[in-house]
N, C-alpha and C. Protein backbone atom coordinates (compact mmCIF):
# COMPACT_ATOMS: atom_id res chain seq x y z
N MET A 1 -5.92 -66.05 68.06
CA MET A 1 -6.81 -67.35 67.28
C MET A 1 -7.34 -68.42 67.88
N ARG A 2 -6.50 -68.98 68.58
CA ARG A 2 -7.07 -70.04 69.35
C ARG A 2 -8.05 -70.05 70.21
N ALA A 3 -8.00 -68.88 70.88
CA ALA A 3 -9.27 -68.64 71.49
C ALA A 3 -10.49 -68.38 70.71
N TYR A 4 -10.47 -67.77 69.98
CA TYR A 4 -11.71 -67.49 68.71
C TYR A 4 -12.03 -68.79 68.04
N GLU A 5 -10.87 -69.53 68.26
CA GLU A 5 -11.73 -71.04 67.65
C GLU A 5 -12.43 -72.15 68.35
N GLU A 6 -11.99 -71.44 69.93
CA GLU A 6 -12.15 -72.14 70.97
C GLU A 6 -14.10 -71.53 71.26
N ILE A 7 -14.15 -70.15 71.19
CA ILE A 7 -15.58 -69.65 71.12
C ILE A 7 -16.14 -69.94 70.20
N LEU A 8 -16.05 -70.30 69.00
CA LEU A 8 -16.79 -70.49 67.70
C LEU A 8 -17.05 -72.14 67.97
N LEU A 9 -16.20 -72.65 68.15
CA LEU A 9 -16.31 -74.57 68.77
C LEU A 9 -17.64 -74.45 69.94
N GLY A 10 -17.32 -73.68 71.11
CA GLY A 10 -18.51 -73.43 71.93
C GLY A 10 -19.71 -73.18 71.21
N GLU A 11 -19.76 -72.32 70.57
CA GLU A 11 -21.06 -71.57 70.01
C GLU A 11 -21.66 -72.65 68.96
N ILE A 12 -21.24 -73.66 68.43
CA ILE A 12 -21.19 -74.47 67.15
C ILE A 12 -21.73 -75.95 68.13
N PHE A 13 -21.32 -75.97 69.12
CA PHE A 13 -21.61 -77.18 70.23
C PHE A 13 -22.95 -76.62 70.45
N MET A 14 -23.27 -75.58 71.34
CA MET A 14 -24.60 -74.91 72.14
C MET A 14 -25.79 -74.95 71.34
N ASP A 15 -25.18 -74.54 69.79
CA ASP A 15 -26.55 -74.18 68.77
C ASP A 15 -26.59 -75.90 68.52
N LEU A 16 -26.00 -76.92 68.22
CA LEU A 16 -25.81 -78.45 67.93
C LEU A 16 -27.10 -79.12 68.99
N LEU A 17 -26.70 -78.67 70.00
CA LEU A 17 -27.51 -78.91 71.47
C LEU A 17 -28.75 -78.24 71.69
N LEU A 18 -28.83 -77.42 71.69
CA LEU A 18 -30.39 -76.72 71.49
C LEU A 18 -31.57 -77.21 70.29
N TYR A 19 -30.23 -77.16 69.20
CA TYR A 19 -31.52 -78.21 68.09
C TYR A 19 -31.50 -79.80 68.30
N PHE A 20 -30.53 -79.99 69.22
CA PHE A 20 -30.95 -82.11 69.33
C PHE A 20 -31.98 -81.54 70.16
N LEU A 21 -32.06 -81.15 71.35
CA LEU A 21 -33.16 -80.51 72.36
C LEU A 21 -34.62 -80.38 71.76
N PHE A 22 -34.58 -79.49 70.91
CA PHE A 22 -35.66 -79.38 70.52
C PHE A 22 -36.62 -79.99 69.92
N ASN A 23 -35.69 -81.18 68.74
CA ASN A 23 -36.30 -82.09 68.37
C ASN A 23 -36.61 -83.45 69.37
N PHE A 24 -35.78 -83.21 70.33
CA PHE A 24 -35.61 -84.28 71.24
C PHE A 24 -37.43 -84.19 71.62
N PHE A 25 -37.98 -82.64 72.43
CA PHE A 25 -39.01 -82.66 72.98
C PHE A 25 -40.15 -82.56 71.90
N ILE A 26 -39.97 -82.27 70.85
CA ILE A 26 -40.98 -82.05 69.78
C ILE A 26 -41.42 -83.53 69.47
N TYR A 27 -40.26 -84.40 69.25
CA TYR A 27 -40.72 -85.93 68.74
C TYR A 27 -40.86 -87.02 69.83
N GLY A 28 -40.94 -86.50 71.30
CA GLY A 28 -41.16 -87.21 72.60
C GLY A 28 -42.79 -87.06 72.34
N PHE A 29 -43.03 -85.20 72.09
CA PHE A 29 -44.31 -85.47 72.53
C PHE A 29 -45.57 -85.91 70.82
N ILE A 30 -44.92 -85.75 70.07
CA ILE A 30 -45.73 -86.40 68.69
C ILE A 30 -45.61 -87.78 69.17
N GLY A 31 -44.79 -88.25 69.36
CA GLY A 31 -44.60 -90.02 69.72
C GLY A 31 -45.60 -90.39 70.83
N TRP A 32 -45.89 -89.43 72.15
CA TRP A 32 -47.11 -89.93 72.84
C TRP A 32 -48.28 -89.68 72.10
N ILE A 33 -48.89 -88.62 71.13
CA ILE A 33 -49.61 -88.42 70.31
C ILE A 33 -50.04 -89.54 69.50
N LEU A 34 -48.87 -90.36 68.84
CA LEU A 34 -48.89 -91.26 67.87
C LEU A 34 -49.23 -92.96 68.79
N GLU A 35 -48.69 -92.63 69.98
CA GLU A 35 -48.63 -93.66 70.82
C GLU A 35 -50.38 -93.62 71.46
N ASN A 36 -51.24 -92.74 71.61
CA ASN A 36 -52.74 -92.61 72.34
C ASN A 36 -53.26 -92.67 70.78
N GLY A 37 -52.73 -92.28 69.80
CA GLY A 37 -53.55 -92.41 68.88
C GLY A 37 -54.12 -94.05 68.35
N PHE A 38 -52.63 -94.32 68.47
CA PHE A 38 -52.92 -96.05 67.97
C PHE A 38 -53.42 -97.08 69.38
N CYS A 39 -53.11 -96.49 70.22
CA CYS A 39 -54.27 -97.19 71.25
C CYS A 39 -55.24 -97.00 71.14
N TYR A 40 -55.98 -95.68 71.23
CA TYR A 40 -57.59 -95.39 71.03
C TYR A 40 -58.23 -96.30 69.56
N PHE A 41 -57.30 -96.33 68.72
CA PHE A 41 -58.17 -96.98 67.34
C PHE A 41 -57.95 -98.33 67.55
N LYS A 42 -57.37 -98.41 68.34
CA LYS A 42 -57.11 -100.57 68.45
C LYS A 42 -58.02 -101.20 69.58
N THR A 43 -57.98 -99.77 70.57
CA THR A 43 -58.91 -100.21 71.90
C THR A 43 -59.87 -99.53 72.17
N GLY A 44 -59.94 -98.51 71.80
CA GLY A 44 -61.34 -97.31 72.02
C GLY A 44 -60.91 -96.50 73.42
N HIS A 45 -59.96 -97.00 74.07
CA HIS A 45 -59.15 -95.39 74.72
C HIS A 45 -57.91 -95.59 74.73
N VAL A 46 -57.37 -94.38 75.06
CA VAL A 46 -56.10 -94.04 74.96
C VAL A 46 -55.41 -95.06 75.70
N GLN A 47 -54.11 -94.69 75.97
CA GLN A 47 -52.94 -95.73 77.01
C GLN A 47 -53.72 -95.26 78.41
N LYS A 48 -53.44 -96.44 79.26
CA LYS A 48 -53.65 -96.21 81.01
C LYS A 48 -52.86 -95.92 82.02
N ASP A 49 -51.51 -95.88 81.31
CA ASP A 49 -50.14 -95.51 81.74
C ASP A 49 -49.00 -96.27 81.08
N GLY A 50 -48.38 -94.60 81.44
CA GLY A 50 -46.81 -94.82 80.09
C GLY A 50 -45.76 -94.44 81.11
N PHE A 51 -44.79 -94.64 81.15
CA PHE A 51 -43.72 -94.62 81.58
C PHE A 51 -43.38 -93.13 82.26
N LEU A 52 -43.86 -92.51 81.81
CA LEU A 52 -43.60 -91.19 82.52
C LEU A 52 -44.59 -90.38 82.39
N TYR A 53 -45.50 -89.91 83.09
CA TYR A 53 -46.93 -88.95 83.43
C TYR A 53 -47.07 -87.83 82.81
N SER A 54 -45.94 -87.20 82.19
CA SER A 54 -46.31 -86.15 81.35
C SER A 54 -46.51 -86.58 79.81
N PRO A 55 -46.64 -85.89 78.67
CA PRO A 55 -47.22 -86.09 77.92
C PRO A 55 -46.00 -86.37 76.73
N PHE A 56 -45.06 -87.58 77.19
CA PHE A 56 -43.62 -87.43 76.53
C PHE A 56 -43.21 -89.26 76.25
N LYS A 57 -42.49 -89.63 75.15
CA LYS A 57 -42.45 -90.72 74.97
C LYS A 57 -40.52 -90.72 74.30
N PRO A 58 -40.15 -90.84 75.76
CA PRO A 58 -38.63 -90.93 75.29
C PRO A 58 -37.94 -91.83 74.16
N MET A 59 -38.46 -92.95 73.96
CA MET A 59 -38.22 -93.68 73.07
C MET A 59 -38.12 -92.54 71.61
N TYR A 60 -39.22 -92.52 71.62
CA TYR A 60 -39.27 -91.69 70.37
C TYR A 60 -38.75 -90.44 70.04
N ALA A 61 -38.09 -90.10 71.14
CA ALA A 61 -37.85 -88.53 71.14
C ALA A 61 -36.17 -89.21 71.19
N ILE A 62 -35.50 -89.93 71.39
CA ILE A 62 -34.04 -90.28 71.39
C ILE A 62 -34.26 -90.72 69.59
N ALA A 63 -34.83 -91.61 69.41
CA ALA A 63 -34.63 -92.64 68.18
C ALA A 63 -34.84 -91.01 67.08
N MET A 64 -35.52 -90.12 67.16
CA MET A 64 -35.60 -89.15 65.77
C MET A 64 -34.81 -88.14 66.26
N SER A 65 -34.76 -87.76 67.40
CA SER A 65 -33.48 -86.80 67.54
C SER A 65 -32.07 -86.99 66.65
N VAL A 66 -31.87 -88.38 66.85
CA VAL A 66 -30.45 -88.96 66.44
C VAL A 66 -30.58 -89.55 64.94
N LEU A 67 -31.69 -89.51 64.82
CA LEU A 67 -32.04 -89.82 63.10
C LEU A 67 -32.16 -88.33 61.95
N VAL A 68 -32.94 -87.49 62.88
CA VAL A 68 -32.99 -85.73 62.34
C VAL A 68 -31.19 -85.67 62.53
N LEU A 69 -29.94 -85.92 63.67
CA LEU A 69 -29.15 -85.07 63.66
C LEU A 69 -28.29 -86.16 62.10
N CYS A 70 -28.76 -87.31 61.77
CA CYS A 70 -27.60 -88.40 60.99
C CYS A 70 -28.17 -87.27 59.72
N SER A 71 -29.85 -87.25 59.41
CA SER A 71 -30.04 -86.79 58.49
C SER A 71 -29.27 -85.40 57.64
N LYS A 72 -28.93 -84.80 58.66
CA LYS A 72 -28.27 -83.62 58.34
C LYS A 72 -27.14 -83.36 57.71
N SER A 73 -26.52 -84.90 57.85
CA SER A 73 -24.97 -84.79 57.10
C SER A 73 -24.77 -84.85 55.73
N LYS A 74 -24.31 -84.37 54.95
CA LYS A 74 -24.38 -83.83 53.61
C LYS A 74 -24.08 -84.83 52.49
N SER A 75 -22.97 -86.02 53.97
CA SER A 75 -22.77 -87.38 52.98
C SER A 75 -23.78 -88.42 52.86
N ILE A 76 -24.73 -88.33 53.75
CA ILE A 76 -25.81 -89.26 54.12
C ILE A 76 -26.52 -89.64 52.51
N ASP A 77 -26.69 -90.68 52.09
CA ASP A 77 -27.74 -90.89 50.66
C ASP A 77 -29.26 -91.38 51.60
N THR A 78 -30.36 -91.34 50.59
CA THR A 78 -31.23 -92.40 50.55
C THR A 78 -31.58 -93.51 51.05
N TYR A 79 -30.41 -94.30 50.82
CA TYR A 79 -30.37 -95.88 51.23
C TYR A 79 -29.98 -95.80 52.60
N THR A 80 -29.29 -95.03 52.90
CA THR A 80 -28.36 -95.13 54.14
C THR A 80 -29.36 -94.87 55.34
N LEU A 81 -30.04 -93.32 54.51
CA LEU A 81 -31.08 -93.08 55.73
C LEU A 81 -31.88 -93.92 56.16
N ALA A 82 -32.53 -94.62 54.96
CA ALA A 82 -33.78 -95.74 55.05
C ALA A 82 -33.19 -97.14 55.96
N THR A 83 -31.66 -97.34 55.82
CA THR A 83 -31.29 -98.47 56.68
C THR A 83 -31.22 -97.65 58.28
N LEU A 84 -30.49 -96.64 58.05
CA LEU A 84 -30.31 -95.80 59.87
C LEU A 84 -32.14 -96.13 60.63
N CYS A 85 -33.00 -95.51 59.43
CA CYS A 85 -34.53 -95.52 59.97
C CYS A 85 -35.05 -96.72 60.31
N LEU A 86 -34.51 -97.54 60.08
CA LEU A 86 -34.95 -99.26 60.55
C LEU A 86 -33.95 -99.61 61.65
N ILE A 87 -32.58 -99.00 61.32
CA ILE A 87 -31.60 -99.70 62.59
C ILE A 87 -31.64 -98.95 64.35
N ILE A 88 -32.16 -97.67 63.75
CA ILE A 88 -31.99 -96.16 65.39
C ILE A 88 -33.35 -96.91 65.89
N PRO A 89 -34.40 -96.63 65.42
CA PRO A 89 -35.57 -97.05 66.01
C PRO A 89 -35.77 -98.51 66.84
N THR A 90 -35.50 -99.32 65.65
CA THR A 90 -35.29 -100.73 66.46
C THR A 90 -34.03 -101.12 67.45
N PHE A 91 -33.30 -100.73 67.29
CA PHE A 91 -32.47 -100.50 69.02
C PHE A 91 -32.63 -99.97 70.37
N VAL A 92 -33.38 -98.45 69.64
CA VAL A 92 -33.77 -97.97 70.70
C VAL A 92 -35.41 -98.03 71.45
N GLU A 93 -36.00 -99.33 70.99
CA GLU A 93 -37.00 -99.99 71.23
C GLU A 93 -36.21 -101.11 71.96
N PHE A 94 -35.43 -102.13 71.47
CA PHE A 94 -34.87 -102.89 72.05
C PHE A 94 -34.43 -102.66 73.13
N VAL A 95 -33.33 -101.67 73.61
CA VAL A 95 -32.52 -101.15 74.68
C VAL A 95 -33.58 -100.92 75.56
N THR A 96 -34.73 -100.07 75.20
CA THR A 96 -35.80 -99.64 75.83
C THR A 96 -36.30 -100.75 76.67
N GLY A 97 -36.82 -101.63 76.02
CA GLY A 97 -37.81 -102.74 76.30
C GLY A 97 -36.65 -103.68 77.51
N LEU A 98 -35.68 -103.81 77.03
CA LEU A 98 -34.59 -104.92 78.19
C LEU A 98 -34.53 -103.85 79.61
N ILE A 99 -34.45 -102.73 79.70
CA ILE A 99 -34.04 -101.89 80.74
C ILE A 99 -35.69 -101.54 81.70
N MET A 100 -36.72 -101.66 80.69
CA MET A 100 -38.18 -101.64 81.53
C MET A 100 -38.44 -102.90 82.32
N ARG A 101 -37.58 -103.84 81.11
CA ARG A 101 -38.15 -105.49 81.61
C ARG A 101 -37.20 -106.28 83.12
N GLU A 102 -36.13 -105.38 83.07
CA GLU A 102 -35.06 -105.68 83.80
C GLU A 102 -34.59 -104.90 85.03
N TYR A 103 -35.29 -103.49 84.58
CA TYR A 103 -35.08 -102.86 85.98
C TYR A 103 -36.44 -102.10 86.40
N PHE A 104 -37.20 -102.46 85.71
CA PHE A 104 -38.44 -101.78 86.55
C PHE A 104 -39.87 -102.91 86.70
N LYS A 105 -39.53 -104.35 85.90
CA LYS A 105 -40.14 -105.22 85.90
C LYS A 105 -41.70 -104.69 85.21
N LYS A 106 -41.11 -104.26 84.31
CA LYS A 106 -42.61 -103.73 83.64
C LYS A 106 -42.31 -103.80 81.79
N ASP A 107 -43.42 -104.43 81.23
CA ASP A 107 -43.49 -104.85 79.74
C ASP A 107 -44.76 -103.93 79.30
N TYR A 108 -44.19 -102.23 78.59
CA TYR A 108 -45.37 -101.78 78.14
C TYR A 108 -45.89 -101.94 76.56
N TRP A 109 -45.18 -103.61 75.89
CA TRP A 109 -45.64 -103.55 74.63
C TRP A 109 -45.23 -105.43 75.21
N ASP A 110 -46.15 -106.11 74.31
CA ASP A 110 -45.71 -107.75 74.26
C ASP A 110 -45.65 -107.57 72.53
N TYR A 111 -44.63 -107.99 71.60
CA TYR A 111 -44.89 -108.78 70.45
C TYR A 111 -44.52 -110.08 70.29
N SER A 112 -44.96 -110.92 71.75
CA SER A 112 -44.49 -112.02 71.49
C SER A 112 -45.67 -112.73 70.48
N GLU A 113 -46.78 -112.22 70.58
CA GLU A 113 -47.91 -113.18 69.64
C GLU A 113 -47.66 -112.38 68.05
N VAL A 114 -46.73 -111.87 67.86
CA VAL A 114 -46.73 -111.42 66.61
C VAL A 114 -45.14 -111.83 66.08
N LYS A 115 -45.48 -112.48 64.45
CA LYS A 115 -44.84 -113.21 64.20
C LYS A 115 -43.36 -112.67 63.92
N TYR A 116 -42.55 -113.47 63.30
CA TYR A 116 -40.89 -112.53 63.55
C TYR A 116 -40.66 -111.27 64.37
N ASN A 117 -40.46 -112.23 66.11
CA ASN A 117 -40.54 -111.12 67.02
C ASN A 117 -39.29 -111.71 67.78
N TYR A 118 -39.02 -110.84 68.49
CA TYR A 118 -37.53 -111.43 69.78
C TYR A 118 -37.43 -110.96 70.68
N LYS A 119 -37.94 -111.69 71.93
CA LYS A 119 -37.95 -111.93 72.99
C LYS A 119 -39.36 -110.96 73.52
N GLY A 120 -40.40 -110.61 72.22
CA GLY A 120 -41.12 -109.84 72.38
C GLY A 120 -41.08 -108.20 72.65
N ILE A 121 -39.75 -108.15 72.56
CA ILE A 121 -39.80 -106.58 72.66
C ILE A 121 -39.65 -105.79 71.29
N ILE A 122 -38.99 -106.31 70.44
CA ILE A 122 -39.51 -106.21 69.02
C ILE A 122 -39.64 -106.42 67.82
N CYS A 123 -39.94 -106.70 66.61
CA CYS A 123 -40.38 -107.70 65.72
C CYS A 123 -40.48 -107.04 64.42
N LEU A 124 -40.51 -107.43 63.18
CA LEU A 124 -40.10 -107.40 62.17
C LEU A 124 -41.46 -105.96 61.96
N GLU A 125 -43.00 -106.72 61.84
CA GLU A 125 -43.73 -105.79 61.48
C GLU A 125 -43.34 -104.45 62.24
N PHE A 126 -43.08 -104.25 63.50
CA PHE A 126 -43.07 -102.88 63.71
C PHE A 126 -41.91 -101.85 63.65
N SER A 127 -40.72 -102.88 63.47
CA SER A 127 -39.53 -102.17 63.07
C SER A 127 -40.01 -102.09 61.38
N LEU A 128 -40.43 -102.16 60.48
CA LEU A 128 -40.55 -102.24 59.36
C LEU A 128 -41.53 -100.52 59.22
N ILE A 129 -42.32 -100.56 60.18
CA ILE A 129 -43.62 -99.78 60.11
C ILE A 129 -42.94 -98.68 60.84
N TRP A 130 -41.93 -98.53 62.10
CA TRP A 130 -41.02 -97.63 62.56
C TRP A 130 -39.81 -96.94 61.21
N THR A 131 -39.77 -97.52 60.45
CA THR A 131 -39.10 -97.09 59.49
C THR A 131 -39.65 -96.39 58.31
N VAL A 132 -40.47 -96.47 58.24
CA VAL A 132 -41.52 -95.67 56.84
C VAL A 132 -42.16 -94.80 58.06
N LEU A 133 -42.58 -94.68 59.20
CA LEU A 133 -43.01 -93.68 59.74
C LEU A 133 -41.56 -92.29 59.90
N SER A 134 -40.31 -92.97 59.77
CA SER A 134 -39.26 -92.41 60.40
C SER A 134 -38.58 -90.79 59.31
N PHE A 135 -38.59 -92.35 58.36
CA PHE A 135 -38.13 -91.60 56.82
C PHE A 135 -39.04 -90.19 56.60
N ILE A 136 -40.50 -90.81 56.49
CA ILE A 136 -41.10 -89.39 56.36
C ILE A 136 -41.25 -88.85 57.15
N ALA A 137 -40.91 -88.42 58.88
CA ALA A 137 -40.54 -87.82 59.61
C ALA A 137 -39.21 -87.00 58.63
N VAL A 138 -38.40 -87.46 58.92
CA VAL A 138 -37.09 -87.29 58.96
C VAL A 138 -36.74 -86.25 57.46
N ARG A 139 -37.22 -86.73 56.19
CA ARG A 139 -37.15 -86.14 54.85
C ARG A 139 -38.47 -85.26 54.54
N TYR A 140 -39.67 -85.04 55.16
CA TYR A 140 -40.29 -84.36 54.76
C TYR A 140 -41.17 -83.33 56.32
N ILE A 141 -41.67 -84.20 57.19
CA ILE A 141 -42.03 -83.41 58.11
C ILE A 141 -40.88 -82.66 59.09
N GLN A 142 -39.74 -82.78 59.07
CA GLN A 142 -38.76 -82.34 59.61
C GLN A 142 -38.68 -80.92 58.91
N ILE A 143 -37.86 -81.23 57.93
CA ILE A 143 -38.21 -79.80 57.03
C ILE A 143 -39.11 -79.39 56.44
N GLY A 144 -39.76 -79.88 56.33
CA GLY A 144 -41.38 -78.75 55.66
C GLY A 144 -41.83 -78.06 57.00
N ILE A 145 -41.75 -78.44 58.31
CA ILE A 145 -42.40 -78.04 59.47
C ILE A 145 -41.69 -77.64 60.44
N VAL A 146 -41.01 -79.15 61.07
CA VAL A 146 -40.04 -78.55 62.34
C VAL A 146 -39.27 -77.87 62.31
N ASP A 147 -38.05 -77.95 61.53
CA ASP A 147 -37.23 -76.88 61.15
C ASP A 147 -37.32 -75.53 60.93
N ARG A 148 -38.73 -74.95 60.22
CA ARG A 148 -39.13 -73.88 60.10
C ARG A 148 -40.08 -73.12 61.47
N VAL A 149 -40.44 -74.22 62.02
CA VAL A 149 -40.99 -73.35 63.54
C VAL A 149 -39.46 -73.06 64.09
N TYR A 150 -38.61 -74.33 64.47
CA TYR A 150 -37.19 -74.12 65.22
C TYR A 150 -36.66 -72.77 64.94
N SER A 151 -36.48 -72.54 63.42
CA SER A 151 -36.03 -71.52 63.05
C SER A 151 -36.53 -69.96 63.58
N SER A 152 -38.18 -70.47 63.43
CA SER A 152 -38.57 -68.95 64.06
C SER A 152 -38.73 -68.51 65.42
N ILE A 153 -38.07 -69.95 66.57
CA ILE A 153 -38.78 -69.69 67.57
C ILE A 153 -37.27 -69.68 68.53
N LYS A 154 -36.19 -70.05 67.74
CA LYS A 154 -35.08 -70.54 67.93
C LYS A 154 -34.31 -69.52 69.37
N GLY A 155 -34.70 -68.40 69.16
CA GLY A 155 -34.26 -67.01 70.20
C GLY A 155 -34.56 -67.04 71.22
N TYR A 156 -36.15 -68.11 71.45
CA TYR A 156 -36.86 -68.12 72.72
C TYR A 156 -36.37 -69.15 73.50
N TRP A 157 -36.27 -70.37 72.20
CA TRP A 157 -35.96 -71.73 72.47
C TRP A 157 -34.40 -71.63 73.53
N GLY A 158 -33.55 -71.10 72.98
CA GLY A 158 -32.18 -70.60 73.75
C GLY A 158 -32.52 -70.27 75.27
N ASN A 159 -33.79 -69.51 75.54
CA ASN A 159 -34.09 -69.07 76.99
C ASN A 159 -34.79 -69.24 78.12
N THR A 160 -35.64 -70.80 77.14
CA THR A 160 -36.47 -71.58 77.94
C THR A 160 -36.20 -73.28 77.78
N TRP A 161 -35.02 -73.44 77.21
CA TRP A 161 -34.79 -75.16 77.00
C TRP A 161 -34.95 -76.10 78.22
N TYR A 162 -34.17 -75.16 78.91
CA TYR A 162 -33.61 -75.69 80.35
C TYR A 162 -34.53 -75.88 81.21
N LEU A 163 -36.07 -75.47 81.13
CA LEU A 163 -36.98 -75.61 81.91
C LEU A 163 -37.67 -76.62 81.24
N PHE A 164 -37.85 -77.38 80.07
CA PHE A 164 -38.32 -78.85 79.78
C PHE A 164 -37.22 -79.48 80.13
N VAL A 165 -35.85 -79.21 80.06
CA VAL A 165 -35.01 -80.53 80.82
C VAL A 165 -35.73 -80.59 82.13
N ILE A 166 -35.63 -79.69 83.24
CA ILE A 166 -36.19 -80.16 84.40
C ILE A 166 -37.04 -80.45 84.53
N ALA A 167 -38.34 -80.03 84.00
CA ALA A 167 -39.69 -81.17 84.13
C ALA A 167 -39.47 -82.02 83.56
N LEU A 168 -38.63 -82.65 82.66
CA LEU A 168 -38.50 -83.89 82.24
C LEU A 168 -37.81 -84.63 83.45
N VAL A 169 -36.43 -84.09 84.17
CA VAL A 169 -35.87 -84.73 85.00
C VAL A 169 -36.77 -84.67 86.37
N LEU A 170 -37.76 -84.28 86.44
CA LEU A 170 -38.69 -84.16 87.78
C LEU A 170 -39.57 -85.33 87.33
N ASP A 171 -40.17 -85.47 85.97
CA ASP A 171 -41.07 -86.15 85.81
C ASP A 171 -40.05 -87.94 85.76
N ALA A 172 -39.13 -87.89 85.85
CA ALA A 172 -38.45 -88.80 85.27
C ALA A 172 -38.20 -89.46 86.96
N ILE A 173 -37.39 -88.61 87.79
CA ILE A 173 -37.32 -88.95 88.88
C ILE A 173 -38.92 -89.48 90.01
N LYS A 174 -40.13 -88.96 89.93
CA LYS A 174 -41.12 -89.22 90.35
C LYS A 174 -41.50 -90.56 89.55
N THR A 175 -41.03 -90.98 88.72
CA THR A 175 -41.68 -92.11 88.22
C THR A 175 -40.54 -93.02 88.42
N ILE A 176 -39.76 -93.24 88.43
CA ILE A 176 -38.96 -94.07 89.09
C ILE A 176 -39.14 -94.28 90.34
N LYS A 177 -39.16 -93.32 91.15
CA LYS A 177 -39.58 -93.57 92.30
C LYS A 177 -40.91 -94.12 92.92
N VAL A 178 -42.03 -93.98 92.02
CA VAL A 178 -43.10 -94.82 92.47
C VAL A 178 -43.08 -96.24 91.77
N MET A 179 -41.97 -96.24 90.95
CA MET A 179 -41.77 -97.56 90.16
C MET A 179 -41.29 -98.58 91.36
N GLN A 180 -40.14 -97.72 91.89
CA GLN A 180 -39.76 -98.75 93.08
C GLN A 180 -40.48 -98.69 94.11
N ILE A 181 -41.58 -98.41 94.43
CA ILE A 181 -42.16 -98.38 95.39
C ILE A 181 -43.04 -99.38 95.29
N LYS A 182 -43.83 -99.61 93.79
CA LYS A 182 -44.44 -100.14 93.59
C LYS A 182 -43.66 -101.91 93.26
N ASN A 183 -42.66 -101.60 93.03
CA ASN A 183 -41.51 -103.05 92.66
C ASN A 183 -41.55 -104.06 94.19
N LYS A 184 -41.36 -102.54 95.28
CA LYS A 184 -41.40 -103.15 96.32
C LYS A 184 -42.26 -103.68 97.32
N ALA A 185 -43.49 -103.24 97.03
CA ALA A 185 -44.61 -103.55 97.66
C ALA A 185 -44.85 -105.23 96.94
N VAL A 186 -44.69 -105.42 95.58
CA VAL A 186 -44.69 -106.45 95.13
C VAL A 186 -43.75 -107.56 95.18
N ASN A 187 -42.89 -107.67 95.44
CA ASN A 187 -41.94 -108.51 96.37
C ASN A 187 -42.08 -108.55 97.53
């Protein structure tokens, strides 16, 4: 019986990992669309540079994938989920901003002119916007669209997910190398 339980746990873990990765890549791409749409609306053009070369925003991927997993808990109520929709994206944005600033010497956004900001990395206004967008995504888009798409392609995803991971890792390696070269040239 013990071997069967271990196999079952392995299958559950793999199912959860595949589901997490699917959401990770979907929301990373949606984040890229959202940011470029916002930038175009504000400036009349899409972003000139991003952290990665591919159409992918890791902050959105991480925050939303974690929120989706949290939302699947049977014991989570609406108020707890709304609170997590405030805390998780704000935390991810703050940590990412610190890493970008300290390690890569780059600020991709600057909230220093926005009221109630902290170090120009996070601010109340955008934290509230992320809260609303995250809640809508988790409560409605995830259930109405993303979960249905995942169910329909789950078999294919199980055979192709690693290609997405490899592409993302290669993109991250290239990005980091280019940023290190640029930082050395500046110093």
